[in-house]
Amino acid sequence: MILSDLLGSPVLTAEGERVGEVVDARFVLDGPPDGMLAAARLHGLVVSPNSRSSFAGYERTGVDAPALIARYLRWRARGSVLVLWTDLASFTDDVIRLRPGAMLYSPRLDDSEV
């Protein structure tokens, strides 16, 4: 599977309710570098009910300039959630379904974690 195939895909709960569309992916770096790079693992998908495009880094809590752009992008990102990879039940060509009881997390990133 290619990540770009998931971007823009609708995401539904186990009950069939629309959560939004995939706008971004979150990766974590596991272990020591393998060659020149650390091994990356898909942690989850960022799903937005209002937008079909990435947040351009404005999901970081410390990014607030230029103020007008930051305000607009935060408004556009309202209602967005992070869905962990383990909470995804199925992928088809037209939809991603979540497992029953899937947890939805805030997509905001704290700058201290970077």
PDB file of N, CA and C in Angstrom:
ATOM      1  N   MET A   1       0.837  -1.169   0.000  1.00  0.00           N
ATOM      2  CA  MET A   1       0.000   0.000   0.000  1.00  0.00           C
ATOM      3  C   MET A   1       0.887   1.238   0.000  1.00  0.00           C
ATOM      4  N   ILE A   2       0.486   2.226  -0.762  1.00  0.00           N
ATOM      5  CA  ILE A   2       1.194   3.490  -0.848  1.00  0.00           C
ATOM      6  C   ILE A   2       0.409   4.514  -0.025  1.00  0.00           C
ATOM      7  N   LEU A   3       1.125   5.291   0.793  1.00  0.00           N
ATOM      8  CA  LEU A   3       0.467   6.246   1.669  1.00  0.00           C
ATOM      9  C   LEU A   3      -0.425   7.215   0.904  1.00  0.00           C
ATOM     10  N   SER A   4       0.004   7.644  -0.260  1.00  0.00           N
ATOM     11  CA  SER A   4      -0.811   8.598  -1.022  1.00  0.00           C
ATOM     12  C   SER A   4      -2.161   8.007  -1.418  1.00  0.00           C
ATOM     13  N   ASP A   5      -2.280   6.677  -1.434  1.00  0.00           N
ATOM     14  CA  ASP A   5      -3.570   6.041  -1.707  1.00  0.00           C
ATOM     15  C   ASP A   5      -4.563   6.285  -0.575  1.00  0.00           C
ATOM     16  N   LEU A   6      -4.053   6.496   0.643  1.00  0.00           N
ATOM     17  CA  LEU A   6      -4.927   6.720   1.797  1.00  0.00           C
ATOM     18  C   LEU A   6      -5.367   8.177   1.916  1.00  0.00           C
ATOM     19  N   LEU A   7      -4.528   9.110   1.467  1.00  0.00           N
ATOM     20  CA  LEU A   7      -4.855  10.529   1.594  1.00  0.00           C
ATOM     21  C   LEU A   7      -6.130  10.852   0.826  1.00  0.00           C
ATOM     22  N   GLY A   8      -7.036  11.543   1.489  1.00  0.00           N
ATOM     23  CA  GLY A   8      -8.321  11.887   0.883  1.00  0.00           C
ATOM     24  C   GLY A   8      -9.388  10.821   1.039  1.00  0.00           C
ATOM     25  N   SER A   9      -9.025   9.663   1.601  1.00  0.00           N
ATOM     26  CA  SER A   9     -10.001   8.591   1.784  1.00  0.00           C
ATOM     27  C   SER A   9     -10.955   8.933   2.920  1.00  0.00           C
ATOM     28  N   PRO A  10     -12.253   8.659   2.747  1.00  0.00           N
ATOM     29  CA  PRO A  10     -13.196   8.876   3.839  1.00  0.00           C
ATOM     30  C   PRO A  10     -12.973   7.853   4.950  1.00  0.00           C
ATOM     31  N   VAL A  11     -13.204   8.287   6.189  1.00  0.00           N
ATOM     32  CA  VAL A  11     -13.050   7.425   7.352  1.00  0.00           C
ATOM     33  C   VAL A  11     -14.402   7.335   8.046  1.00  0.00           C
ATOM     34  N   LEU A  12     -14.840   6.098   8.317  1.00  0.00           N
ATOM     35  CA  LEU A  12     -16.121   5.846   8.969  1.00  0.00           C
ATOM     36  C   LEU A  12     -15.908   5.095  10.271  1.00  0.00           C
ATOM     37  N   THR A  13     -16.756   5.349  11.260  1.00  0.00           N
ATOM     38  CA  THR A  13     -16.724   4.573  12.494  1.00  0.00           C
ATOM     39  C   THR A  13     -17.244   3.172  12.192  1.00  0.00           C
ATOM     40  N   ALA A  14     -17.154   2.293  13.171  1.00  0.00           N
ATOM     41  CA  ALA A  14     -17.675   0.930  13.005  1.00  0.00           C
ATOM     42  C   ALA A  14     -19.181   0.956  12.764  1.00  0.00           C
ATOM     43  N   GLU A  15     -19.852   2.005  13.268  1.00  0.00           N
ATOM     44  CA  GLU A  15     -21.301   2.138  13.099  1.00  0.00           C
ATOM     45  C   GLU A  15     -21.673   2.809  11.777  1.00  0.00           C
ATOM     46  N   GLY A  16     -20.683   3.229  11.008  1.00  0.00           N
ATOM     47  CA  GLY A  16     -20.936   3.838   9.710  1.00  0.00           C
ATOM     48  C   GLY A  16     -21.031   5.354   9.711  1.00  0.00           C
ATOM     49  N   GLU A  17     -20.750   6.004  10.851  1.00  0.00           N
ATOM     50  CA  GLU A  17     -20.771   7.467  10.907  1.00  0.00           C
ATOM     51  C   GLU A  17     -19.485   8.026  10.305  1.00  0.00           C
ATOM     52  N   ARG A  18     -19.622   9.131   9.561  1.00  0.00           N
ATOM     53  CA  ARG A  18     -18.463   9.752   8.922  1.00  0.00           C
ATOM     54  C   ARG A  18     -17.637  10.513   9.950  1.00  0.00           C
ATOM     55  N   VAL A  19     -16.331  10.239   9.992  1.00  0.00           N
ATOM     56  CA  VAL A  19     -15.403  10.955  10.853  1.00  0.00           C
ATOM     57  C   VAL A  19     -14.778  12.103  10.064  1.00  0.00           C
ATOM     58  N   GLY A  20     -14.446  11.855   8.809  1.00  0.00           N
ATOM     59  CA  GLY A  20     -13.819  12.850   7.947  1.00  0.00           C
ATOM     60  C   GLY A  20     -12.996  12.166   6.881  1.00  0.00           C
ATOM     61  N   GLU A  21     -11.985  12.887   6.384  1.00  0.00           N
ATOM     62  CA  GLU A  21     -11.090  12.350   5.365  1.00  0.00           C
ATOM     63  C   GLU A  21      -9.656  12.398   5.855  1.00  0.00           C
ATOM     64  N   VAL A  22      -8.854  11.446   5.408  1.00  0.00           N
ATOM     65  CA  VAL A  22      -7.444  11.390   5.794  1.00  0.00           C
ATOM     66  C   VAL A  22      -6.710  12.574   5.159  1.00  0.00           C
ATOM     67  N   VAL A  23      -6.051  13.390   6.012  1.00  0.00           N
ATOM     68  CA  VAL A  23      -5.313  14.551   5.512  1.00  0.00           C
ATOM     69  C   VAL A  23      -3.817  14.450   5.771  1.00  0.00           C
ATOM     70  N   ASP A  24      -3.410  13.554   6.660  1.00  0.00           N
ATOM     71  CA  ASP A  24      -1.994  13.464   6.990  1.00  0.00           C
ATOM     72  C   ASP A  24      -1.733  12.136   7.687  1.00  0.00           C
ATOM     73  N   ALA A  25      -0.468  11.831   7.894  1.00  0.00           N
ATOM     74  CA  ALA A  25      -0.067  10.612   8.596  1.00  0.00           C
ATOM     75  C   ALA A  25       0.956  10.989   9.659  1.00  0.00           C
ATOM     76  N   ARG A  26       0.985  10.233  10.740  1.00  0.00           N
ATOM     77  CA  ARG A  26       1.964  10.442  11.804  1.00  0.00           C
ATOM     78  C   ARG A  26       2.858   9.221  11.884  1.00  0.00           C
ATOM     79  N   PHE A  27       4.141   9.475  11.912  1.00  0.00           N
ATOM     80  CA  PHE A  27       5.129   8.421  12.032  1.00  0.00           C
ATOM     81  C   PHE A  27       5.921   8.604  13.312  1.00  0.00           C
ATOM     82  N   VAL A  28       6.447   7.516  13.840  1.00  0.00           N
ATOM     83  CA  VAL A  28       7.379   7.560  14.963  1.00  0.00           C
ATOM     84  C   VAL A  28       8.662   6.889  14.504  1.00  0.00           C
ATOM     85  N   LEU A  29       9.767   7.322  15.079  1.00  0.00           N
ATOM     86  CA  LEU A  29      11.057   6.727  14.752  1.00  0.00           C
ATOM     87  C   LEU A  29      11.388   5.718  15.828  1.00  0.00           C
ATOM     88  N   ASP A  30      11.573   4.477  15.425  1.00  0.00           N
ATOM     89  CA  ASP A  30      11.861   3.392  16.361  1.00  0.00           C
ATOM     90  C   ASP A  30      13.330   3.005  16.299  1.00  0.00           C
ATOM     91  N   GLY A  31      13.915   2.877  17.476  1.00  0.00           N
ATOM     92  CA  GLY A  31      15.241   2.309  17.595  1.00  0.00           C
ATOM     93  C   GLY A  31      16.357   3.134  16.990  1.00  0.00           C
ATOM     94  N   PRO A  32      17.528   2.530  16.985  1.00  0.00           N
ATOM     95  CA  PRO A  32      18.702   3.221  16.448  1.00  0.00           C
ATOM     96  C   PRO A  32      18.613   3.322  14.929  1.00  0.00           C
ATOM     97  N   PRO A  33      19.383   4.232  14.385  1.00  0.00           N
ATOM     98  CA  PRO A  33      19.370   4.376  12.921  1.00  0.00           C
ATOM     99  C   PRO A  33      19.728   3.074  12.222  1.00  0.00           C
ATOM    100  N   ASP A  34      19.025   2.810  11.137  1.00  0.00           N
ATOM    101  CA  ASP A  34      19.286   1.653  10.286  1.00  0.00           C
ATOM    102  C   ASP A  34      19.998   2.203   9.059  1.00  0.00           C
ATOM    103  N   GLY A  35      21.318   2.110   9.071  1.00  0.00           N
ATOM    104  CA  GLY A  35      22.073   2.775   8.021  1.00  0.00           C
ATOM    105  C   GLY A  35      22.161   4.242   8.381  1.00  0.00           C
ATOM    106  N   MET A  36      21.613   5.116   7.547  1.00  0.00           N
ATOM    107  CA  MET A  36      21.671   6.551   7.817  1.00  0.00           C
ATOM    108  C   MET A  36      20.408   7.068   8.502  1.00  0.00           C
ATOM    109  N   LEU A  37      19.318   6.289   8.466  1.00  0.00           N
ATOM    110  CA  LEU A  37      18.045   6.762   9.003  1.00  0.00           C
ATOM    111  C   LEU A  37      17.502   5.808  10.060  1.00  0.00           C
ATOM    112  N   ALA A  38      16.752   6.362  11.018  1.00  0.00           N
ATOM    113  CA  ALA A  38      16.057   5.519  11.994  1.00  0.00           C
ATOM    114  C   ALA A  38      14.849   4.894  11.300  1.00  0.00           C
ATOM    115  N   ALA A  39      14.446   3.729  11.763  1.00  0.00           N
ATOM    116  CA  ALA A  39      13.299   3.042  11.176  1.00  0.00           C
ATOM    117  C   ALA A  39      12.018   3.793  11.526  1.00  0.00           C
ATOM    118  N   ALA A  40      11.233   4.139  10.519  1.00  0.00           N
ATOM    119  CA  ALA A  40       9.969   4.853  10.738  1.00  0.00           C
ATOM    120  C   ALA A  40       8.812   3.858  10.761  1.00  0.00           C
ATOM    121  N   ARG A  41       7.852   4.113  11.664  1.00  0.00           N
ATOM    122  CA  ARG A  41       6.674   3.268  11.784  1.00  0.00           C
ATOM    123  C   ARG A  41       5.444   4.166  11.763  1.00  0.00           C
ATOM    124  N   LEU A  42       4.425   3.762  10.988  1.00  0.00           N
ATOM    125  CA  LEU A  42       3.192   4.532  10.928  1.00  0.00           C
ATOM    126  C   LEU A  42       2.466   4.423  12.266  1.00  0.00           C
ATOM    127  N   HIS A  43       2.251   5.561  12.916  1.00  0.00           N
ATOM    128  CA  HIS A  43       1.605   5.610  14.224  1.00  0.00           C
ATOM    129  C   HIS A  43       0.100   5.791  14.079  1.00  0.00           C
ATOM    130  N   GLY A  44      -0.318   6.602  13.119  1.00  0.00           N
ATOM    131  CA  GLY A  44      -1.742   6.840  12.934  1.00  0.00           C
ATOM    132  C   GLY A  44      -2.008   7.794  11.787  1.00  0.00           C
ATOM    133  N   LEU A  45      -3.281   8.052  11.571  1.00  0.00           N
ATOM    134  CA  LEU A  45      -3.714   8.938  10.494  1.00  0.00           C
ATOM    135  C   LEU A  45      -4.447  10.131  11.082  1.00  0.00           C
ATOM    136  N   VAL A  46      -4.210  11.303  10.511  1.00  0.00           N
ATOM    137  CA  VAL A  46      -4.928  12.505  10.914  1.00  0.00           C
ATOM    138  C   VAL A  46      -6.136  12.633   9.999  1.00  0.00           C
ATOM    139  N   VAL A  47      -7.305  12.762  10.607  1.00  0.00           N
ATOM    140  CA  VAL A  47      -8.568  12.792   9.872  1.00  0.00           C
ATOM    141  C   VAL A  47      -9.265  14.123  10.156  1.00  0.00           C
ATOM    142  N   SER A  48      -9.695  14.793   9.096  1.00  0.00           N
ATOM    143  CA  SER A  48     -10.359  16.086   9.241  1.00  0.00           C
ATOM    144  C   SER A  48     -11.768  16.040   8.659  1.00  0.00           C
ATOM    145  N   PRO A  49     -12.750  16.579   9.401  1.00  0.00           N
ATOM    146  CA  PRO A  49     -14.111  16.643   8.859  1.00  0.00           C
ATOM    147  C   PRO A  49     -14.329  17.852   7.955  1.00  0.00           C
ATOM    148  N   ASN A  50     -13.373  18.803   7.944  1.00  0.00           N
ATOM    149  CA  ASN A  50     -13.580  20.065   7.236  1.00  0.00           C
ATOM    150  C   ASN A  50     -12.645  20.329   6.068  1.00  0.00           C
ATOM    151  N   SER A  51     -11.553  19.622   5.983  1.00  0.00           N
ATOM    152  CA  SER A  51     -10.530  19.948   4.999  1.00  0.00           C
ATOM    153  C   SER A  51     -10.020  18.691   4.321  1.00  0.00           C
ATOM    154  N   ARG A  52      -9.479  18.857   3.134  1.00  0.00           N
ATOM    155  CA  ARG A  52      -8.873  17.728   2.421  1.00  0.00           C
ATOM    156  C   ARG A  52      -7.376  17.894   2.273  1.00  0.00           C
ATOM    157  N   SER A  53      -6.794  18.889   2.974  1.00  0.00           N
ATOM    158  CA  SER A  53      -5.364  19.116   2.828  1.00  0.00           C
ATOM    159  C   SER A  53      -4.672  19.171   4.183  1.00  0.00           C
ATOM    160  N   SER A  54      -3.366  19.039   4.162  1.00  0.00           N
ATOM    161  CA  SER A  54      -2.543  19.026   5.363  1.00  0.00           C
ATOM    162  C   SER A  54      -2.622  20.355   6.105  1.00  0.00           C
ATOM    163  N   PHE A  55      -2.183  20.342   7.367  1.00  0.00           N
ATOM    164  CA  PHE A  55      -2.204  21.537   8.201  1.00  0.00           C
ATOM    165  C   PHE A  55      -0.967  22.405   8.011  1.00  0.00           C
ATOM    166  N   ALA A  56      -0.043  21.994   7.164  1.00  0.00           N
ATOM    167  CA  ALA A  56       1.161  22.771   6.844  1.00  0.00           C
ATOM    168  C   ALA A  56       1.989  23.103   8.086  1.00  0.00           C
ATOM    169  N   GLY A  57       1.989  22.226   9.085  1.00  0.00           N
ATOM    170  CA  GLY A  57       2.779  22.426  10.293  1.00  0.00           C
ATOM    171  C   GLY A  57       2.090  23.229  11.372  1.00  0.00           C
ATOM    172  N   TYR A  58       0.911  23.780  11.085  1.00  0.00           N
ATOM    173  CA  TYR A  58       0.220  24.610  12.066  1.00  0.00           C
ATOM    174  C   TYR A  58      -0.498  23.798  13.143  1.00  0.00           C
ATOM    175  N   GLU A  59      -0.385  22.456  13.111  1.00  0.00           N
ATOM    176  CA  GLU A  59      -0.932  21.664  14.202  1.00  0.00           C
ATOM    177  C   GLU A  59       0.025  21.657  15.396  1.00  0.00           C
ATOM    178  N   ARG A  60       1.218  22.204  15.217  1.00  0.00           N
ATOM    179  CA  ARG A  60       2.158  22.329  16.327  1.00  0.00           C
ATOM    180  C   ARG A  60       1.684  23.454  17.231  1.00  0.00           C
ATOM    181  N   THR A  61       1.721  23.218  18.532  1.00  0.00           N
ATOM    182  CA  THR A  61       1.139  24.181  19.473  1.00  0.00           C
ATOM    183  C   THR A  61       1.878  25.506  19.502  1.00  0.00           C
ATOM    184  N   GLY A  62       3.158  25.538  19.159  1.00  0.00           N
ATOM    185  CA  GLY A  62       3.925  26.778  19.226  1.00  0.00           C
ATOM    186  C   GLY A  62       3.956  27.575  17.935  1.00  0.00           C
ATOM    187  N   VAL A  63       3.346  27.094  16.873  1.00  0.00           N
ATOM    188  CA  VAL A  63       3.376  27.802  15.598  1.00  0.00           C
ATOM    189  C   VAL A  63       2.199  28.768  15.551  1.00  0.00           C
ATOM    190  N   ASP A  64       2.516  30.071  15.510  1.00  0.00           N
ATOM    191  CA  ASP A  64       1.444  31.055  15.510  1.00  0.00           C
ATOM    192  C   ASP A  64       1.742  32.267  14.622  1.00  0.00           C
ATOM    193  N   ALA A  65       2.701  32.133  13.729  1.00  0.00           N
ATOM    194  CA  ALA A  65       3.027  33.249  12.839  1.00  0.00           C
ATOM    195  C   ALA A  65       3.178  32.728  11.412  1.00  0.00           C
ATOM    196  N   PRO A  66       2.789  33.466  10.437  1.00  0.00           N
ATOM    197  CA  PRO A  66       2.043  34.711  10.548  1.00  0.00           C
ATOM    198  C   PRO A  66       0.653  34.454  11.128  1.00  0.00           C
ATOM    199  N   ALA A  67       0.232  35.374  11.986  1.00  0.00           N
ATOM    200  CA  ALA A  67      -0.964  35.188  12.801  1.00  0.00           C
ATOM    201  C   ALA A  67      -2.225  34.933  11.984  1.00  0.00           C
ATOM    202  N   LEU A  68      -2.412  35.659  10.907  1.00  0.00           N
ATOM    203  CA  LEU A  68      -3.625  35.505  10.106  1.00  0.00           C
ATOM    204  C   LEU A  68      -3.707  34.109   9.487  1.00  0.00           C
ATOM    205  N   ILE A  69      -2.593  33.632   8.964  1.00  0.00           N
ATOM    206  CA  ILE A  69      -2.562  32.295   8.369  1.00  0.00           C
ATOM    207  C   ILE A  69      -2.756  31.238   9.451  1.00  0.00           C
ATOM    208  N   ALA A  70      -2.079  31.394  10.588  1.00  0.00           N
ATOM    209  CA  ALA A  70      -2.218  30.432  11.688  1.00  0.00           C
ATOM    210  C   ALA A  70      -3.658  30.351  12.157  1.00  0.00           C
ATOM    211  N   ARG A  71      -4.301  31.486  12.314  1.00  0.00           N
ATOM    212  CA  ARG A  71      -5.695  31.517  12.765  1.00  0.00           C
ATOM    213  C   ARG A  71      -6.603  30.804  11.768  1.00  0.00           C
ATOM    214  N   TYR A  72      -6.418  31.083  10.487  1.00  0.00           N
ATOM    215  CA  TYR A  72      -7.244  30.449   9.451  1.00  0.00           C
ATOM    216  C   TYR A  72      -7.033  28.929   9.431  1.00  0.00           C
ATOM    217  N   LEU A  73      -5.784  28.490   9.453  1.00  0.00           N
ATOM    218  CA  LEU A  73      -5.516  27.053   9.380  1.00  0.00           C
ATOM    219  C   LEU A  73      -5.995  26.324  10.628  1.00  0.00           C
ATOM    220  N   ARG A  74      -5.914  26.949  11.782  1.00  0.00           N
ATOM    221  CA  ARG A  74      -6.461  26.321  12.998  1.00  0.00           C
ATOM    222  C   ARG A  74      -7.978  26.219  12.919  1.00  0.00           C
ATOM    223  N   TRP A  75      -8.613  27.245  12.377  1.00  0.00           N
ATOM    224  CA  TRP A  75     -10.062  27.205  12.198  1.00  0.00           C
ATOM    225  C   TRP A  75     -10.439  26.076  11.241  1.00  0.00           C
ATOM    226  N   ARG A  76      -9.695  25.962  10.145  1.00  0.00           N
ATOM    227  CA  ARG A  76      -9.980  24.934   9.151  1.00  0.00           C
ATOM    228  C   ARG A  76      -9.742  23.533   9.709  1.00  0.00           C
ATOM    229  N   ALA A  77      -8.825  23.407  10.653  1.00  0.00           N
ATOM    230  CA  ALA A  77      -8.483  22.098  11.225  1.00  0.00           C
ATOM    231  C   ALA A  77      -9.393  21.709  12.388  1.00  0.00           C
ATOM    232  N   ARG A  78     -10.355  22.545  12.742  1.00  0.00           N
ATOM    233  CA  ARG A  78     -11.233  22.253  13.882  1.00  0.00           C
ATOM    234  C   ARG A  78     -11.933  20.896  13.683  1.00  0.00           C
ATOM    235  N   GLY A  79     -12.043  20.162  14.752  1.00  0.00           N
ATOM    236  CA  GLY A  79     -12.712  18.862  14.695  1.00  0.00           C
ATOM    237  C   GLY A  79     -11.841  17.730  14.188  1.00  0.00           C
ATOM    238  N   SER A  80     -10.584  18.022  13.835  1.00  0.00           N
ATOM    239  CA  SER A  80      -9.696  16.977  13.337  1.00  0.00           C
ATOM    240  C   SER A  80      -9.264  16.059  14.468  1.00  0.00           C
ATOM    241  N   VAL A  81      -8.977  14.817  14.118  1.00  0.00           N
ATOM    242  CA  VAL A  81      -8.592  13.811  15.104  1.00  0.00           C
ATOM    243  C   VAL A  81      -7.439  12.972  14.596  1.00  0.00           C
ATOM    244  N   LEU A  82      -6.729  12.369  15.529  1.00  0.00           N
ATOM    245  CA  LEU A  82      -5.685  11.392  15.215  1.00  0.00           C
ATOM    246  C   LEU A  82      -6.260  10.017  15.516  1.00  0.00           C
ATOM    247  N   VAL A  83      -6.226   9.130  14.539  1.00  0.00           N
ATOM    248  CA  VAL A  83      -6.690   7.753  14.702  1.00  0.00           C
ATOM    249  C   VAL A  83      -5.465   6.854  14.658  1.00  0.00           C
ATOM    250  N   LEU A  84      -5.239   6.100  15.723  1.00  0.00           N
ATOM    251  CA  LEU A  84      -4.071   5.224  15.767  1.00  0.00           C
ATOM    252  C   LEU A  84      -4.198   4.083  14.766  1.00  0.00           C
ATOM    253  N   TRP A  85      -3.068   3.645  14.271  1.00  0.00           N
ATOM    254  CA  TRP A  85      -3.021   2.554  13.294  1.00  0.00           C
ATOM    255  C   TRP A  85      -3.731   1.309  13.827  1.00  0.00           C
ATOM    256  N   THR A  86      -3.587   1.036  15.114  1.00  0.00           N
ATOM    257  CA  THR A  86      -4.199  -0.161  15.701  1.00  0.00           C
ATOM    258  C   THR A  86      -5.717  -0.067  15.760  1.00  0.00           C
ATOM    259  N   ASP A  87      -6.292   1.133  15.614  1.00  0.00           N
ATOM    260  CA  ASP A  87      -7.745   1.301  15.640  1.00  0.00           C
ATOM    261  C   ASP A  87      -8.383   1.232  14.255  1.00  0.00           C
ATOM    262  N   LEU A  88      -7.589   0.996  13.216  1.00  0.00           N
ATOM    263  CA  LEU A  88      -8.133   0.873  11.866  1.00  0.00           C
ATOM    264  C   LEU A  88      -8.521  -0.578  11.623  1.00  0.00           C
ATOM    265  N   ALA A  89      -9.754  -0.793  11.190  1.00  0.00           N
ATOM    266  CA  ALA A  89     -10.253  -2.160  10.990  1.00  0.00           C
ATOM    267  C   ALA A  89     -10.057  -2.641   9.560  1.00  0.00           C
ATOM    268  N   SER A  90     -10.388  -1.791   8.586  1.00  0.00           N
ATOM    269  CA  SER A  90     -10.297  -2.243   7.197  1.00  0.00           C
ATOM    270  C   SER A  90     -10.057  -1.084   6.251  1.00  0.00           C
ATOM    271  N   PHE A  91      -9.442  -1.420   5.127  1.00  0.00           N
ATOM    272  CA  PHE A  91      -9.192  -0.487   4.039  1.00  0.00           C
ATOM    273  C   PHE A  91      -9.783  -1.091   2.782  1.00  0.00           C
ATOM    274  N   THR A  92     -10.572  -0.322   2.103  1.00  0.00           N
ATOM    275  CA  THR A  92     -11.010  -0.740   0.779  1.00  0.00           C
ATOM    276  C   THR A  92     -10.660   0.398  -0.167  1.00  0.00           C
ATOM    277  N   ASP A  93     -10.982   0.244  -1.426  1.00  0.00           N
ATOM    278  CA  ASP A  93     -10.651   1.278  -2.399  1.00  0.00           C
ATOM    279  C   ASP A  93     -11.367   2.588  -2.116  1.00  0.00           C
ATOM    280  N   ASP A  94     -12.502   2.530  -1.448  1.00  0.00           N
ATOM    281  CA  ASP A  94     -13.278   3.753  -1.294  1.00  0.00           C
ATOM    282  C   ASP A  94     -13.489   4.209   0.146  1.00  0.00           C
ATOM    283  N   VAL A  95     -13.087   3.429   1.157  1.00  0.00           N
ATOM    284  CA  VAL A  95     -13.356   3.842   2.537  1.00  0.00           C
ATOM    285  C   VAL A  95     -12.421   3.132   3.528  1.00  0.00           C
ATOM    286  N   ILE A  96     -12.158   3.836   4.646  1.00  0.00           N
ATOM    287  CA  ILE A  96     -11.421   3.255   5.772  1.00  0.00           C
ATOM    288  C   ILE A  96     -12.407   3.144   6.920  1.00  0.00           C
ATOM    289  N   ARG A  97     -12.469   1.975   7.539  1.00  0.00           N
ATOM    290  CA  ARG A  97     -13.384   1.756   8.662  1.00  0.00           C
ATOM    291  C   ARG A  97     -12.586   1.571   9.946  1.00  0.00           C
ATOM    292  N   LEU A  98     -13.129   2.123  11.035  1.00  0.00           N
ATOM    293  CA  LEU A  98     -12.495   1.998  12.341  1.00  0.00           C
ATOM    294  C   LEU A  98     -13.040   0.795  13.092  1.00  0.00           C
ATOM    295  N   ARG A  99     -12.244   0.293  14.024  1.00  0.00           N
ATOM    296  CA  ARG A  99     -12.693  -0.798  14.887  1.00  0.00           C
ATOM    297  C   ARG A  99     -13.747  -0.275  15.867  1.00  0.00           C
ATOM    298  N   PRO A 100     -14.627  -1.151  16.335  1.00  0.00           N
ATOM    299  CA  PRO A 100     -15.569  -0.725  17.386  1.00  0.00           C
ATOM    300  C   PRO A 100     -14.783  -0.250  18.613  1.00  0.00           C
ATOM    301  N   GLY A 101     -15.200   0.854  19.193  1.00  0.00           N
ATOM    302  CA  GLY A 101     -14.529   1.396  20.362  1.00  0.00           C
ATOM    303  C   GLY A 101     -13.237   2.129  20.061  1.00  0.00           C
ATOM    304  N   ALA A 102     -12.984   2.452  18.807  1.00  0.00           N
ATOM    305  CA  ALA A 102     -11.752   3.157  18.440  1.00  0.00           C
ATOM    306  C   ALA A 102     -11.685   4.502  19.155  1.00  0.00           C
ATOM    307  N   MET A 103     -10.520   4.834  19.656  1.00  0.00           N
ATOM    308  CA  MET A 103     -10.306   6.111  20.345  1.00  0.00           C
ATOM    309  C   MET A 103      -9.874   7.159  19.323  1.00  0.00           C
ATOM    310  N   LEU A 104     -10.369   8.380  19.496  1.00  0.00           N
ATOM    311  CA  LEU A 104      -9.994   9.506  18.650  1.00  0.00           C
ATOM    312  C   LEU A 104      -9.206  10.486  19.514  1.00  0.00           C
ATOM    313  N   TYR A 105      -8.002  10.837  19.067  1.00  0.00           N
ATOM    314  CA  TYR A 105      -7.105  11.689  19.844  1.00  0.00           C
ATOM    315  C   TYR A 105      -6.932  13.042  19.174  1.00  0.00           C
ATOM    316  N   SER A 106      -6.433  14.003  19.929  1.00  0.00           N
ATOM    317  CA  SER A 106      -6.129  15.322  19.377  1.00  0.00           C
ATOM    318  C   SER A 106      -4.941  15.202  18.421  1.00  0.00           C
ATOM    319  N   PRO A 107      -5.012  15.869  17.275  1.00  0.00           N
ATOM    320  CA  PRO A 107      -3.882  15.827  16.338  1.00  0.00           C
ATOM    321  C   PRO A 107      -2.799  16.864  16.659  1.00  0.00           C
ATOM    322  N   ARG A 108      -3.022  17.681  17.686  1.00  0.00           N
ATOM    323  CA  ARG A 108      -2.071  18.752  18.018  1.00  0.00           C
ATOM    324  C   ARG A 108      -0.739  18.162  18.457  1.00  0.00           C
ATOM    325  N   LEU A 109       0.345  18.782  18.036  1.00  0.00           N
ATOM    326  CA  LEU A 109       1.688  18.361  18.420  1.00  0.00           C
ATOM    327  C   LEU A 109       2.310  19.418  19.299  1.00  0.00           C
ATOM    328  N   ASP A 110       2.906  18.992  20.393  1.00  0.00           N
ATOM    329  CA  ASP A 110       3.624  19.898  21.280  1.00  0.00           C
ATOM    330  C   ASP A 110       5.028  20.072  20.723  1.00  0.00           C
ATOM    331  N   ASP A 111       5.487  21.300  20.570  1.00  0.00           N
ATOM    332  CA  ASP A 111       6.821  21.562  20.010  1.00  0.00           C
ATOM    333  C   ASP A 111       7.939  20.922  20.830  1.00  0.00           C
ATOM    334  N   SER A 112       7.719  20.668  22.107  1.00  0.00           N
ATOM    335  CA  SER A 112       8.758  20.072  22.930  1.00  0.00           C
ATOM    336  C   SER A 112       9.008  18.614  22.566  1.00  0.00           C
ATOM    337  N   GLU A 113       8.088  17.996  21.816  1.00  0.00           N
ATOM    338  CA  GLU A 113       8.231  16.593  21.427  1.00  0.00           C
ATOM    339  C   GLU A 113       9.061  16.446  20.170  1.00  0.00           C
ATOM    340  N   VAL A 114       9.384  17.536  19.502  1.00  0.00           N
ATOM    341  CA  VAL A 114      10.094  17.477  18.222  1.00  0.00           C
ATOM    342  C   VAL A 114      11.567  17.490  18.450  1.00  0.00           C
TER     343      VAL A 114
END
